[in-house]
Amino acid sequence: MGFGSGVFYSRLHPRLTDFVKALPTGRGRAFVFATSGLPEIPLAPFTRPLVQLLEGKGFDVAGSFSCRAFDTWAPFKLVGGINKQRPNVEDLAAARVFAERLRDGKQART
C-alpha cells in the first residue's frame, strides 16, 4: 500500500500522518512517496518520520520515493513559484523505476 503527499514546511501532510497513527497495528507491505519544492536532505528525509510510524504499526516498508514539484511557499510565491515544470518526464521515469523495483520485490529507495 502506498502512502504519500506533498511536503509542507518540511513535513508530509498532517492528515496523512494522523491517518497512519489511527491505523490498527497489523502486517502488510508499504511504500512512501512525496513531492516537494526543495530537495530532500539526506540526513533528514521528509519521508523518514512516516516510514518509522508505519514500521511501528507493523508494516514492512519496502522503500520511499521523492521528487521535486511546483512550490508556491511564501518567498517563492513572489516570483510565481519554483519548479513549474515538475514533476517532469525524468521524475516520472524515476517513479516508474521505483515502482518496478517494488513490483519485483526489491528494496527501493530514492
C-alpha atoms as a PDB file:
ATOM      1  CA  MET A   1       0.000   0.000   0.000  1.00  0.00           C
ATOM      2  CA  GLY A   2       1.339   3.450  -0.862  1.00  0.00           C
ATOM      3  CA  PHE A   3       1.277   6.435   1.467  1.00  0.00           C
ATOM      4  CA  GLY A   4       2.269   9.853   0.209  1.00  0.00           C
ATOM      5  CA  SER A   5       1.683  13.564  -0.051  1.00  0.00           C
ATOM      6  CA  GLY A   6       3.275  16.843  -0.876  1.00  0.00           C
ATOM      7  CA  VAL A   7       5.685  18.306   1.647  1.00  0.00           C
ATOM      8  CA  PHE A   8       4.532  21.240   3.763  1.00  0.00           C
ATOM      9  CA  TYR A   9       7.090  23.045   5.936  1.00  0.00           C
ATOM     10  CA  SER A  10       9.471  20.070   5.646  1.00  0.00           C
ATOM     11  CA  ARG A  11       6.781  17.535   6.664  1.00  0.00           C
ATOM     12  CA  LEU A  12       4.268  15.320   4.959  1.00  0.00           C
ATOM     13  CA  HIS A  13       0.675  16.490   5.261  1.00  0.00           C
ATOM     14  CA  PRO A  14      -0.631  16.154   8.852  1.00  0.00           C
ATOM     15  CA  ARG A  15      -3.806  14.401   7.666  1.00  0.00           C
ATOM     16  CA  LEU A  16      -1.653  11.602   6.294  1.00  0.00           C
ATOM     17  CA  THR A  17       0.300  11.144   9.499  1.00  0.00           C
ATOM     18  CA  ASP A  18      -2.929  11.333  11.535  1.00  0.00           C
ATOM     19  CA  PHE A  19      -4.438   8.668   9.270  1.00  0.00           C
ATOM     20  CA  VAL A  20      -1.466   6.355   9.779  1.00  0.00           C
ATOM     21  CA  LYS A  21      -1.499   6.954  13.541  1.00  0.00           C
ATOM     22  CA  ALA A  22      -5.148   5.834  13.587  1.00  0.00           C
ATOM     23  CA  LEU A  23      -4.463   2.573  11.720  1.00  0.00           C
ATOM     24  CA  PRO A  24      -4.617  -0.608  13.764  1.00  0.00           C
ATOM     25  CA  THR A  25      -1.373  -2.450  14.312  1.00  0.00           C
ATOM     26  CA  GLY A  26      -1.019  -5.185  11.749  1.00  0.00           C
ATOM     27  CA  ARG A  27       1.054  -6.576   8.973  1.00  0.00           C
ATOM     28  CA  GLY A  28       1.476  -5.503   5.416  1.00  0.00           C
ATOM     29  CA  ARG A  29       3.852  -4.135   2.859  1.00  0.00           C
ATOM     30  CA  ALA A  30       4.001  -0.395   2.252  1.00  0.00           C
ATOM     31  CA  PHE A  31       5.913   2.315   0.448  1.00  0.00           C
ATOM     32  CA  VAL A  32       6.099   6.068   0.969  1.00  0.00           C
ATOM     33  CA  PHE A  33       6.291   8.834  -1.623  1.00  0.00           C
ATOM     34  CA  ALA A  34       6.491  12.622  -1.547  1.00  0.00           C
ATOM     35  CA  THR A  35       6.829  15.688  -3.738  1.00  0.00           C
ATOM     36  CA  SER A  36       8.454  18.907  -2.577  1.00  0.00           C
ATOM     37  CA  GLY A  37       9.709  22.213  -3.869  1.00  0.00           C
ATOM     38  CA  LEU A  38      13.073  21.878  -2.172  1.00  0.00           C
ATOM     39  CA  PRO A  39      15.430  18.906  -2.291  1.00  0.00           C
ATOM     40  CA  GLU A  40      15.289  16.282   0.399  1.00  0.00           C
ATOM     41  CA  ILE A  41      18.191  16.454   2.859  1.00  0.00           C
ATOM     42  CA  PRO A  42      19.837  13.001   3.024  1.00  0.00           C
ATOM     43  CA  LEU A  43      20.361  13.151   6.799  1.00  0.00           C
ATOM     44  CA  ALA A  44      16.737  14.158   7.456  1.00  0.00           C
ATOM     45  CA  PRO A  45      14.492  12.893   4.637  1.00  0.00           C
ATOM     46  CA  PHE A  46      10.893  14.126   4.572  1.00  0.00           C
ATOM     47  CA  THR A  47       9.665  10.559   4.429  1.00  0.00           C
ATOM     48  CA  ARG A  48      11.591   9.179   7.432  1.00  0.00           C
ATOM     49  CA  PRO A  49       9.006  10.043  10.142  1.00  0.00           C
ATOM     50  CA  LEU A  50       6.216   8.358   8.165  1.00  0.00           C
ATOM     51  CA  VAL A  51       8.378   5.317   7.442  1.00  0.00           C
ATOM     52  CA  GLN A  52       9.119   4.995  11.163  1.00  0.00           C
ATOM     53  CA  LEU A  53       5.438   5.418  12.028  1.00  0.00           C
ATOM     54  CA  LEU A  54       4.428   2.717   9.534  1.00  0.00           C
ATOM     55  CA  GLU A  55       7.120   0.359  10.806  1.00  0.00           C
ATOM     56  CA  GLY A  56       5.832   0.959  14.331  1.00  0.00           C
ATOM     57  CA  LYS A  57       2.399  -0.136  13.091  1.00  0.00           C
ATOM     58  CA  GLY A  58       3.875  -3.395  11.813  1.00  0.00           C
ATOM     59  CA  PHE A  59       4.301  -2.530   8.136  1.00  0.00           C
ATOM     60  CA  ASP A  60       7.269  -3.767   6.132  1.00  0.00           C
ATOM     61  CA  VAL A  61       8.207  -0.522   4.368  1.00  0.00           C
ATOM     62  CA  ALA A  62       9.772  -1.578   1.082  1.00  0.00           C
ATOM     63  CA  GLY A  63      11.009   1.866   0.130  1.00  0.00           C
ATOM     64  CA  SER A  64      10.428   5.545  -0.319  1.00  0.00           C
ATOM     65  CA  PHE A  65      10.449   7.888  -3.280  1.00  0.00           C
ATOM     66  CA  SER A  66      10.518  11.652  -3.563  1.00  0.00           C
ATOM     67  CA  CYS A  67      10.872  14.154  -6.340  1.00  0.00           C
ATOM     68  CA  ARG A  68      10.702  17.894  -6.828  1.00  0.00           C
ATOM     69  CA  ALA A  69       7.385  19.628  -7.512  1.00  0.00           C
ATOM     70  CA  PHE A  70       5.827  23.028  -8.132  1.00  0.00           C
ATOM     71  CA  ASP A  71       6.062  25.133  -4.970  1.00  0.00           C
ATOM     72  CA  THR A  72       4.461  28.478  -4.108  1.00  0.00           C
ATOM     73  CA  TRP A  73       5.526  28.648  -0.458  1.00  0.00           C
ATOM     74  CA  ALA A  74       5.908  32.218   0.885  1.00  0.00           C
ATOM     75  CA  PRO A  75       9.060  33.636  -0.776  1.00  0.00           C
ATOM     76  CA  PHE A  76       8.572  31.563  -3.935  1.00  0.00           C
ATOM     77  CA  LYS A  77       5.063  32.932  -4.402  1.00  0.00           C
ATOM     78  CA  LEU A  78       6.569  36.370  -5.107  1.00  0.00           C
ATOM     79  CA  VAL A  79       8.203  35.015  -8.269  1.00  0.00           C
ATOM     80  CA  GLY A  80       5.299  32.793  -9.324  1.00  0.00           C
ATOM     81  CA  GLY A  81       6.653  29.658  -7.687  1.00  0.00           C
ATOM     82  CA  ILE A  82       9.550  27.319  -8.381  1.00  0.00           C
ATOM     83  CA  ASN A  83       9.778  24.024 -10.253  1.00  0.00           C
ATOM     84  CA  LYS A  84       6.864  24.950 -12.501  1.00  0.00           C
ATOM     85  CA  GLN A  85       7.506  22.000 -14.801  1.00  0.00           C
ATOM     86  CA  ARG A  86       7.903  19.392 -12.065  1.00  0.00           C
ATOM     87  CA  PRO A  87       7.303  16.529 -11.739  1.00  0.00           C
ATOM     88  CA  ASN A  88       8.674  16.151 -15.257  1.00  0.00           C
ATOM     89  CA  VAL A  89       9.428  13.283 -17.635  1.00  0.00           C
ATOM     90  CA  GLU A  90      12.616  12.376 -15.763  1.00  0.00           C
ATOM     91  CA  ASP A  91      10.796  12.400 -12.414  1.00  0.00           C
ATOM     92  CA  LEU A  92       8.083  10.132 -13.806  1.00  0.00           C
ATOM     93  CA  ALA A  93      10.725   7.788 -15.246  1.00  0.00           C
ATOM     94  CA  ALA A  94      12.386   7.595 -11.811  1.00  0.00           C
ATOM     95  CA  ALA A  95       8.982   6.888 -10.228  1.00  0.00           C
ATOM     96  CA  ARG A  96       8.435   4.111 -12.761  1.00  0.00           C
ATOM     97  CA  VAL A  97      11.806   2.524 -11.903  1.00  0.00           C
ATOM     98  CA  PHE A  98      10.907   2.787  -8.199  1.00  0.00           C
ATOM     99  CA  ALA A  99       7.540   1.085  -8.836  1.00  0.00           C
ATOM    100  CA  GLU A 100       9.177  -1.673 -10.890  1.00  0.00           C
ATOM    101  CA  ARG A 101      11.623  -2.388  -8.062  1.00  0.00           C
ATOM    102  CA  LEU A 102       8.689  -2.615  -5.655  1.00  0.00           C
ATOM    103  CA  ARG A 103       6.827  -4.926  -8.024  1.00  0.00           C
ATOM    104  CA  ASP A 104       9.897  -7.140  -8.323  1.00  0.00           C
ATOM    105  CA  GLY A 105      10.145  -7.402  -4.536  1.00  0.00           C
ATOM    106  CA  LYS A 106      13.336  -5.356  -4.210  1.00  0.00           C
ATOM    107  CA  GLN A 107      14.017  -2.688  -1.623  1.00  0.00           C
ATOM    108  CA  ALA A 108      13.560   0.654  -3.338  1.00  0.00           C
ATOM    109  CA  ARG A 109      14.889   3.946  -2.009  1.00  0.00           C
ATOM    110  CA  THR A 110      15.338   7.136  -3.974  1.00  0.00           C
END
